[in-house]
Amino acid sequence: MIKIRDYKKILCIYKDVFLLGLTAIGIGIIVGIIDTLFGKVLLEITNIRNSYVFQLIPFLPLTGIVILFTYFRIGKNSIKGMSLIFSAGLNDEETIPKRLVPLVIVSTWLTHLFGGSAGREGVAVQIGGTVGYSIGRELNIRNSSKILLITGMAAGFAGLFQTPIAAIFFAMEVLTAGVVEYSALLPCILGAFTASYMSHTLGLEKFGVNLNYSLEFNIYLFLKLVLLGIFFGLIGGFFANLLNWSKKFFAQRIGDPILRIFILGCILSVFLLILHKGRYAGLGTNLINASFSNEKIYEYDWLLKFLLTILTLSAGFQGGEVTPLFSIGASLGAVLSPVMGLPIEFTAALGYVAVFGGATNTILAPIFIGGEVFGYNYLPYFFIVSAVAYVFNGNKSIYSAQKILGDVKKVISLE
């Protein structure tokens, strides 16, 4: 027989669940609004840069100096970026300075305006994580700061890309490979869908492609998907491994971070200008659009975007990796489609999701990214290629602070 104190305990638990859910909706609203502002300005900045490529890209090195000087002057430990978010989520960090939000937004705008090859999801996730963590610290609920940090990460991703289901699983599985933080499930659902709805309502457009292929699932298609999964996983893992190595290498070779960003910025600006006049600057959405609209894709597009993104982020410029990973995967898939005997858009979609999964060491997020961007009819194909990519990515992640659960080490590892 249930005693009165047991009823009180149950009521207390549901009260906490209700409060966390209500708070998650508030986080979704706040983050969705900030994501919309950030995303819309970024699109305008991209248009400006594309119109004045030769006038703006030469100033990338000086922009890097301004970015780092600002961080060192007023940023405290905000320069840690995603590593700071991960440390807080893994209980290794006590505070995330609120100034991180405006600093990462403005520095990313500057990076893109002057041509840096970087993404945007890192900004959105940092925004959401900071908002969620700051609110969670004010609640007298067990693990509220961690739960709401994860909720904020989901809201940030969902608000920017409007893929709430993928955002939910990305936030819950990315902190520790092999662990899904189901304690944050309900707040993540509420926060992610609220942020996605808010940004959509405010006019931020969602990228989506309506695939229209009828494929016969047989042993030959299955083997092709496995081969593609292996290749995409290796590319994603190699990107993560080379990015982490490159950051350490340049930090050792050029100890002064301001000098480092200036020197590498000079090299980067030259390459960005001479390689197809800024084709590889910015997010890489031009390569994504080309992959899905039968426009020209060079066989080396994916490789140059791969290398220039690593150089940009290793130098110290701000942004993220995910959208460039989407462009690398999509353009690589477009190149591989004739070899595999598969439709270009279909293979580009597989690369879009699997290279992202391979580089982030996640499996559920890329599967649902595929469903939400390209249609749930193709979910079995996304599942196969993403699962294989996850196995073959070398157990590497673009997030150096990501933890790997010891007893779920994968068969294929670069260690």
Protein backbone atom coordinates (compact mmCIF):
# COMPACT_ATOMS: atom_id res chain seq x y z
CA MET A 1 0.00 0.00 0.00
CA ILE A 2 1.35 3.42 -1.01
CA LYS A 3 1.95 5.69 1.95
CA ILE A 4 1.18 9.42 2.09
CA ARG A 5 4.86 10.33 1.98
CA ASP A 6 5.17 8.29 -1.25
CA TYR A 7 2.36 10.34 -2.81
CA LYS A 8 4.14 13.52 -1.74
CA LYS A 9 7.37 12.28 -3.34
CA ILE A 10 5.57 11.45 -6.59
CA LEU A 11 3.87 14.85 -6.62
CA CYS A 12 7.20 16.55 -6.00
CA ILE A 13 8.74 14.70 -8.96
CA TYR A 14 5.89 15.68 -11.28
CA LYS A 15 6.08 19.26 -10.03
CA ASP A 16 9.76 19.34 -11.03
CA VAL A 17 8.93 17.79 -14.42
CA PHE A 18 6.22 20.40 -14.99
CA LEU A 19 8.55 23.25 -13.99
CA LEU A 20 11.36 21.98 -16.22
CA GLY A 21 8.93 21.62 -19.12
CA LEU A 22 7.56 25.11 -18.66
CA THR A 23 11.09 26.49 -18.42
CA ALA A 24 12.08 24.59 -21.58
CA ILE A 25 9.30 26.34 -23.51
CA GLY A 26 10.66 29.69 -22.31
CA ILE A 27 14.17 28.68 -23.36
CA GLY A 28 12.82 27.65 -26.78
CA ILE A 29 11.19 31.06 -27.25
CA ILE A 30 14.32 32.99 -26.24
CA VAL A 31 16.71 30.85 -28.27
CA GLY A 32 14.40 30.77 -31.29
CA ILE A 33 14.34 34.57 -31.37
CA ILE A 34 18.13 34.86 -31.03
CA ASP A 35 18.66 32.14 -33.67
CA THR A 36 16.41 34.03 -36.08
CA LEU A 37 18.34 37.26 -35.62
CA PHE A 38 21.66 35.47 -35.97
CA GLY A 39 20.57 33.43 -39.00
CA LYS A 40 18.95 36.28 -40.93
CA VAL A 41 21.91 38.61 -40.47
CA LEU A 42 24.26 35.81 -41.47
CA LEU A 43 22.35 35.30 -44.73
CA GLU A 44 22.58 39.01 -45.50
CA ILE A 45 26.29 39.00 -44.69
CA THR A 46 26.77 36.07 -47.06
CA ASN A 47 25.04 37.97 -49.86
CA ILE A 48 27.21 41.03 -49.23
CA ARG A 49 30.41 38.97 -49.26
CA ASN A 50 29.41 37.20 -52.48
CA SER A 51 28.94 40.62 -54.11
CA TYR A 52 32.29 42.01 -52.93
CA VAL A 53 34.57 38.97 -52.76
CA PHE A 54 37.80 40.68 -53.80
CA GLN A 55 37.14 43.72 -51.64
CA LEU A 56 36.37 41.83 -48.41
CA ILE A 57 38.37 38.59 -48.27
CA PRO A 58 41.81 40.35 -48.17
CA PHE A 59 40.79 41.82 -44.79
CA LEU A 60 40.29 38.38 -43.20
CA PRO A 61 43.67 38.43 -41.33
CA LEU A 62 42.93 41.83 -39.73
CA THR A 63 39.45 40.61 -38.82
CA GLY A 64 41.03 37.69 -37.00
CA ILE A 65 43.14 40.06 -34.91
CA VAL A 66 40.03 42.06 -33.97
CA ILE A 67 38.16 38.89 -32.99
CA LEU A 68 40.90 37.52 -30.74
CA PHE A 69 41.73 40.89 -29.21
CA THR A 70 38.07 41.31 -28.25
CA TYR A 71 37.91 37.85 -26.69
CA PHE A 72 41.09 38.38 -24.70
CA ARG A 73 39.99 41.84 -23.60
CA ILE A 74 36.43 41.17 -22.42
CA GLY A 75 35.66 37.52 -23.08
CA LYS A 76 37.07 35.82 -19.95
CA ASN A 77 36.98 32.10 -20.83
CA SER A 78 34.39 32.50 -23.63
CA ILE A 79 37.14 31.72 -26.14
CA LYS A 80 36.76 28.04 -25.19
CA GLY A 81 33.47 28.02 -27.08
CA MET A 82 32.00 24.55 -27.51
CA SER A 83 34.55 23.05 -25.13
CA LEU A 84 33.13 25.29 -22.41
CA ILE A 85 29.60 24.04 -23.16
CA PHE A 86 30.77 20.43 -23.03
CA SER A 87 32.69 21.01 -19.79
CA ALA A 88 29.58 22.47 -18.16
CA GLY A 89 27.44 19.60 -19.43
CA LEU A 90 29.92 17.07 -18.07
CA ASN A 91 30.10 18.90 -14.70
CA ASP A 92 33.71 19.99 -15.26
CA GLU A 93 32.89 23.71 -15.41
CA GLU A 94 30.94 25.77 -12.91
CA THR A 95 30.01 28.83 -14.98
CA ILE A 96 29.42 29.89 -18.58
CA PRO A 97 29.76 33.67 -18.95
CA LYS A 98 26.67 35.22 -20.52
CA ARG A 99 28.90 37.47 -22.61
CA LEU A 100 29.70 34.35 -24.66
CA VAL A 101 26.44 34.85 -26.59
CA PRO A 102 27.07 38.30 -28.12
CA LEU A 103 30.77 37.57 -28.58
CA VAL A 104 30.27 34.35 -30.54
CA ILE A 105 27.49 35.89 -32.64
CA VAL A 106 29.44 39.00 -33.67
CA SER A 107 32.73 37.15 -34.19
CA THR A 108 30.99 34.60 -36.42
CA TRP A 109 29.35 37.38 -38.45
CA LEU A 110 32.79 38.92 -38.96
CA THR A 111 34.35 35.58 -39.90
CA HIS A 112 31.72 35.05 -42.60
CA LEU A 113 31.68 38.62 -43.86
CA PHE A 114 35.38 38.44 -44.65
CA GLY A 115 35.30 34.94 -46.11
CA GLY A 116 36.25 32.42 -43.43
CA SER A 117 35.18 28.88 -44.27
CA ALA A 118 33.14 28.04 -41.19
CA GLY A 119 29.69 26.98 -40.07
CA ARG A 120 26.98 28.30 -37.79
CA GLU A 121 25.69 25.44 -35.65
CA GLY A 122 28.42 25.96 -33.07
CA VAL A 123 27.06 29.43 -32.46
CA ALA A 124 23.47 28.22 -32.13
CA VAL A 125 24.41 25.42 -29.75
CA GLN A 126 26.54 27.79 -27.65
CA ILE A 127 23.70 30.30 -27.52
CA GLY A 128 21.20 27.67 -26.43
CA GLY A 129 23.56 26.00 -24.00
CA THR A 130 24.45 29.29 -22.32
CA VAL A 131 20.81 30.35 -21.98
CA GLY A 132 19.71 26.95 -20.67
CA TYR A 133 22.61 26.55 -18.26
CA SER A 134 22.19 30.07 -16.85
CA ILE A 135 18.49 29.50 -16.17
CA GLY A 136 19.07 26.01 -14.81
CA ARG A 137 21.48 27.30 -12.18
CA GLU A 138 18.67 29.40 -10.73
CA LEU A 139 16.30 26.44 -10.21
CA ASN A 140 16.30 24.33 -7.08
CA ILE A 141 15.89 21.08 -9.01
CA ARG A 142 18.35 18.21 -9.10
CA ASN A 143 20.54 18.31 -12.25
CA SER A 144 18.52 21.24 -13.60
CA SER A 145 21.58 23.06 -14.93
CA LYS A 146 22.71 20.03 -16.97
CA ILE A 147 19.19 19.14 -18.14
CA LEU A 148 18.47 22.69 -19.28
CA LEU A 149 21.91 23.06 -20.85
CA ILE A 150 21.10 20.03 -23.02
CA THR A 151 17.65 21.50 -23.65
CA GLY A 152 19.24 24.77 -24.74
CA MET A 153 21.62 22.92 -27.08
CA ALA A 154 18.64 21.18 -28.68
CA ALA A 155 16.75 24.47 -28.95
CA GLY A 156 19.76 26.21 -30.53
CA PHE A 157 20.20 23.50 -33.16
CA ALA A 158 16.47 23.25 -33.84
CA GLY A 159 15.93 27.00 -34.08
CA LEU A 160 18.67 27.39 -36.68
CA PHE A 161 18.04 24.32 -38.84
CA GLN A 162 14.34 23.71 -38.00
CA THR A 163 15.01 19.99 -37.56
CA PRO A 164 13.71 19.56 -34.00
CA ILE A 165 13.81 15.75 -33.79
CA ALA A 166 17.41 15.60 -35.00
CA ALA A 167 18.25 18.44 -32.62
CA ILE A 168 16.77 16.54 -29.67
CA PHE A 169 18.88 13.46 -30.29
CA PHE A 170 21.98 15.48 -31.19
CA ALA A 171 21.88 17.31 -27.85
CA MET A 172 21.18 14.15 -25.86
CA GLU A 173 23.87 11.97 -27.44
CA VAL A 174 26.73 14.33 -28.28
CA LEU A 175 28.16 15.00 -24.80
CA THR A 176 29.21 11.39 -24.24
CA ALA A 177 29.47 8.96 -27.14
CA GLY A 178 27.55 5.83 -26.19
CA VAL A 179 25.23 7.60 -23.74
CA VAL A 180 21.86 9.20 -24.49
CA GLU A 181 20.78 11.66 -21.78
CA TYR A 182 17.13 10.60 -21.56
CA SER A 183 16.72 12.59 -18.34
CA ALA A 184 16.49 15.65 -20.59
CA LEU A 185 14.06 14.10 -23.09
CA LEU A 186 10.84 15.97 -22.25
CA PRO A 187 12.48 19.40 -21.82
CA CYS A 188 14.42 18.81 -25.06
CA ILE A 189 11.21 18.00 -26.93
CA LEU A 190 9.47 21.12 -25.68
CA GLY A 191 12.49 23.40 -26.13
CA ALA A 192 13.44 22.13 -29.59
CA PHE A 193 9.94 22.24 -31.08
CA THR A 194 9.29 25.67 -29.55
CA ALA A 195 12.55 27.12 -30.94
CA SER A 196 11.90 25.58 -34.37
CA TYR A 197 8.37 26.96 -34.45
CA MET A 198 9.52 30.36 -33.24
CA SER A 199 12.28 30.77 -35.86
CA HIS A 200 9.97 29.55 -38.62
CA THR A 201 7.24 31.97 -37.54
CA LEU A 202 9.74 34.84 -37.54
CA GLY A 203 10.72 34.07 -41.12
CA LEU A 204 13.92 32.03 -40.92
CA GLU A 205 13.83 29.62 -43.85
CA LYS A 206 14.42 25.90 -43.54
CA PHE A 207 16.57 24.01 -46.04
CA GLY A 208 14.84 20.97 -47.47
CA VAL A 209 14.93 18.84 -50.61
CA ASN A 210 12.02 16.78 -51.87
CA LEU A 211 13.65 13.59 -53.11
CA ASN A 212 11.52 11.74 -55.62
CA TYR A 213 13.17 8.41 -56.29
CA SER A 214 11.70 4.93 -56.16
CA LEU A 215 14.52 2.56 -55.34
CA GLU A 216 14.26 -1.21 -55.17
CA PHE A 217 15.80 -2.38 -51.92
CA ASN A 218 17.90 -5.44 -52.73
CA ILE A 219 21.25 -6.90 -51.83
CA TYR A 220 23.05 -4.73 -54.39
CA LEU A 221 21.61 -1.50 -52.99
CA PHE A 222 22.36 -2.69 -49.47
CA LEU A 223 26.03 -3.31 -50.33
CA LYS A 224 26.28 0.09 -52.01
CA LEU A 225 24.88 1.75 -48.89
CA VAL A 226 27.40 -0.11 -46.72
CA LEU A 227 30.29 0.95 -48.96
CA LEU A 228 29.12 4.55 -48.92
CA GLY A 229 28.71 4.40 -45.15
CA ILE A 230 32.27 3.17 -44.74
CA PHE A 231 33.64 5.90 -46.99
CA PHE A 232 31.58 8.72 -45.49
CA GLY A 233 32.44 7.55 -41.99
CA LEU A 234 36.15 7.51 -42.76
CA ILE A 235 35.95 11.01 -44.25
CA GLY A 236 34.00 12.35 -41.25
CA GLY A 237 36.39 10.74 -38.78
CA PHE A 238 39.42 11.97 -40.70
CA PHE A 239 38.01 15.51 -40.70
CA ALA A 240 37.58 15.39 -36.91
CA ASN A 241 41.01 13.85 -36.38
CA LEU A 242 42.79 16.29 -38.69
CA LEU A 243 40.96 19.28 -37.18
CA ASN A 244 42.03 18.38 -33.64
CA TRP A 245 45.58 17.62 -34.78
CA SER A 246 45.78 20.82 -36.81
CA LYS A 247 44.71 23.01 -33.88
CA LYS A 248 47.43 21.51 -31.69
CA PHE A 249 50.06 21.66 -34.46
CA PHE A 250 49.59 25.36 -35.25
CA ALA A 251 49.32 26.23 -31.55
CA GLN A 252 52.74 24.64 -31.00
CA ARG A 253 54.33 26.17 -34.10
CA ILE A 254 52.94 29.69 -33.58
CA GLY A 255 52.52 30.22 -29.86
CA ASP A 256 51.02 33.72 -30.01
CA PRO A 257 47.33 33.22 -30.94
CA ILE A 258 47.02 36.72 -32.46
CA LEU A 259 50.08 36.17 -34.65
CA ARG A 260 48.75 32.73 -35.51
CA ILE A 261 45.36 33.96 -36.70
CA PHE A 262 47.02 36.73 -38.73
CA ILE A 263 49.50 34.44 -40.51
CA LEU A 264 46.99 31.69 -41.20
CA GLY A 265 44.42 34.33 -42.15
CA CYS A 266 46.80 35.66 -44.81
CA ILE A 267 47.35 32.18 -46.23
CA LEU A 268 43.63 31.45 -46.07
CA SER A 269 42.59 34.65 -47.83
CA VAL A 270 45.00 33.97 -50.71
CA PHE A 271 43.67 30.44 -51.22
CA LEU A 272 40.06 31.57 -50.97
CA LEU A 273 40.62 34.14 -53.72
CA ILE A 274 42.65 32.05 -56.16
CA LEU A 275 40.47 28.93 -55.80
CA HIS A 276 37.43 29.83 -57.91
CA LYS A 277 37.11 33.36 -56.50
CA GLY A 278 35.60 32.63 -53.09
CA ARG A 279 33.73 29.45 -53.99
CA TYR A 280 34.86 27.88 -50.71
CA ALA A 281 34.26 30.88 -48.45
CA GLY A 282 31.53 30.92 -45.84
CA LEU A 283 29.08 28.17 -44.98
CA GLY A 284 29.30 26.08 -48.13
CA THR A 285 25.58 26.35 -48.88
CA ASN A 286 26.51 27.11 -52.50
CA LEU A 287 27.99 23.61 -52.77
CA ILE A 288 24.94 22.10 -51.08
CA ASN A 289 22.58 23.88 -53.49
CA ALA A 290 24.70 22.84 -56.47
CA SER A 291 24.64 19.21 -55.35
CA PHE A 292 20.84 19.15 -55.31
CA SER A 293 20.07 21.33 -58.34
CA ASN A 294 22.17 19.71 -61.07
CA GLU A 295 24.72 22.52 -61.09
CA LYS A 296 28.46 22.11 -61.61
CA ILE A 297 30.27 20.17 -58.89
CA TYR A 298 34.00 19.70 -59.35
CA GLU A 299 35.55 16.41 -58.27
CA TYR A 300 37.74 18.30 -55.79
CA ASP A 301 35.08 20.61 -54.30
CA TRP A 302 34.60 18.47 -51.20
CA LEU A 303 38.36 18.20 -50.59
CA LEU A 304 39.05 21.92 -50.86
CA LYS A 305 36.11 22.75 -48.60
CA PHE A 306 37.42 20.10 -46.20
CA LEU A 307 40.92 21.60 -46.03
CA LEU A 308 39.94 25.27 -45.97
CA THR A 309 37.42 24.72 -43.18
CA ILE A 310 40.08 23.01 -41.08
CA LEU A 311 42.50 25.87 -41.75
CA THR A 312 39.87 28.48 -40.82
CA LEU A 313 38.99 26.86 -37.51
CA SER A 314 42.60 25.98 -36.65
CA ALA A 315 43.54 29.62 -37.10
CA GLY A 316 41.02 30.65 -34.43
CA PHE A 317 38.15 32.08 -36.47
CA GLN A 318 34.65 31.55 -35.07
CA GLY A 319 31.70 29.60 -36.42
CA GLY A 320 31.09 25.90 -36.50
CA GLU A 321 31.73 22.77 -38.49
CA VAL A 322 28.33 21.25 -39.25
CA THR A 323 27.20 23.24 -42.31
CA PRO A 324 30.62 22.83 -43.97
CA LEU A 325 30.33 19.11 -43.15
CA PHE A 326 26.93 19.07 -44.86
CA SER A 327 28.51 20.68 -47.93
CA ILE A 328 31.50 18.31 -47.89
CA GLY A 329 29.22 15.29 -47.63
CA ALA A 330 26.75 16.49 -50.28
CA SER A 331 29.42 17.42 -52.84
CA LEU A 332 31.32 14.19 -52.17
CA GLY A 333 28.10 12.21 -52.60
CA ALA A 334 27.43 13.98 -55.91
CA VAL A 335 30.91 12.97 -57.11
CA LEU A 336 30.45 9.34 -56.02
CA SER A 337 26.97 8.88 -57.48
CA PRO A 338 28.09 7.89 -61.02
CA VAL A 339 30.61 5.46 -59.55
CA MET A 340 27.94 3.82 -57.39
CA GLY A 341 25.29 3.93 -60.10
CA LEU A 342 22.86 5.86 -57.88
CA PRO A 343 20.93 9.12 -58.44
CA ILE A 344 23.00 12.23 -57.72
CA GLU A 345 20.55 13.85 -55.30
CA PHE A 346 20.04 10.60 -53.41
CA THR A 347 23.77 9.97 -52.97
CA ALA A 348 24.34 13.63 -52.06
CA ALA A 349 21.67 13.28 -49.34
CA LEU A 350 23.41 10.20 -47.96
CA GLY A 351 26.71 12.08 -47.83
CA TYR A 352 25.01 15.10 -46.27
CA VAL A 353 23.87 13.10 -43.25
CA ALA A 354 26.62 10.49 -42.91
CA VAL A 355 29.69 12.74 -43.02
CA PHE A 356 28.04 14.90 -40.35
CA GLY A 357 27.41 11.82 -38.21
CA GLY A 358 30.91 10.49 -38.76
CA ALA A 359 32.51 13.78 -37.72
CA THR A 360 30.34 14.31 -34.63
CA ASN A 361 30.46 10.67 -33.47
CA THR A 362 26.65 10.50 -33.37
CA ILE A 363 24.21 8.07 -34.93
CA LEU A 364 20.62 9.10 -34.10
CA ALA A 365 20.98 12.78 -35.07
CA PRO A 366 22.14 12.17 -38.67
CA ILE A 367 19.39 9.62 -39.25
CA PHE A 368 16.71 12.10 -38.27
CA ILE A 369 18.46 14.98 -40.07
CA GLY A 370 17.95 12.89 -43.18
CA GLY A 371 14.29 12.33 -42.42
CA GLU A 372 13.55 15.97 -41.61
CA VAL A 373 15.47 17.45 -44.56
CA PHE A 374 14.93 14.86 -47.31
CA GLY A 375 11.83 12.96 -46.28
CA TYR A 376 11.03 10.06 -43.97
CA ASN A 377 10.44 7.70 -46.90
CA TYR A 378 14.21 7.32 -47.11
CA LEU A 379 14.78 6.74 -43.39
CA PRO A 380 15.90 3.07 -43.84
CA TYR A 381 18.66 4.20 -46.22
CA PHE A 382 19.78 6.95 -43.84
CA PHE A 383 19.79 4.44 -41.01
CA ILE A 384 22.08 2.00 -42.83
CA VAL A 385 24.59 4.54 -44.10
CA SER A 386 24.69 6.49 -40.80
CA ALA A 387 25.08 3.32 -38.70
CA VAL A 388 27.97 2.11 -40.85
CA ALA A 389 29.57 5.58 -40.81
CA TYR A 390 29.32 5.60 -37.02
CA VAL A 391 31.21 2.30 -36.81
CA PHE A 392 33.94 3.35 -39.24
CA ASN A 393 34.60 6.95 -38.15
CA GLY A 394 37.58 5.95 -35.99
CA ASN A 395 35.76 6.95 -32.79
CA LYS A 396 36.68 10.59 -33.45
CA SER A 397 34.67 13.78 -32.97
CA ILE A 398 35.05 17.42 -33.98
CA TYR A 399 34.23 18.17 -30.34
CA SER A 400 37.49 17.49 -28.54
CA ALA A 401 35.74 17.65 -25.15
CA GLN A 402 33.32 14.85 -26.06
CA LYS A 403 33.71 11.85 -23.76
CA ILE A 404 33.74 8.26 -24.95
CA LEU A 405 32.08 5.70 -22.71
CA GLY A 406 34.83 3.20 -21.98
CA ASP A 407 32.84 0.01 -22.41
CA VAL A 408 31.36 1.01 -25.79
CA LYS A 409 34.60 1.56 -27.67
CA LYS A 410 33.90 0.72 -31.27
CA VAL A 411 35.62 -1.97 -33.30
CA ILE A 412 37.28 0.60 -35.56
CA SER A 413 39.34 3.16 -33.66
CA LEU A 414 42.15 5.52 -34.56
CA GLU A 415 43.64 5.22 -31.06
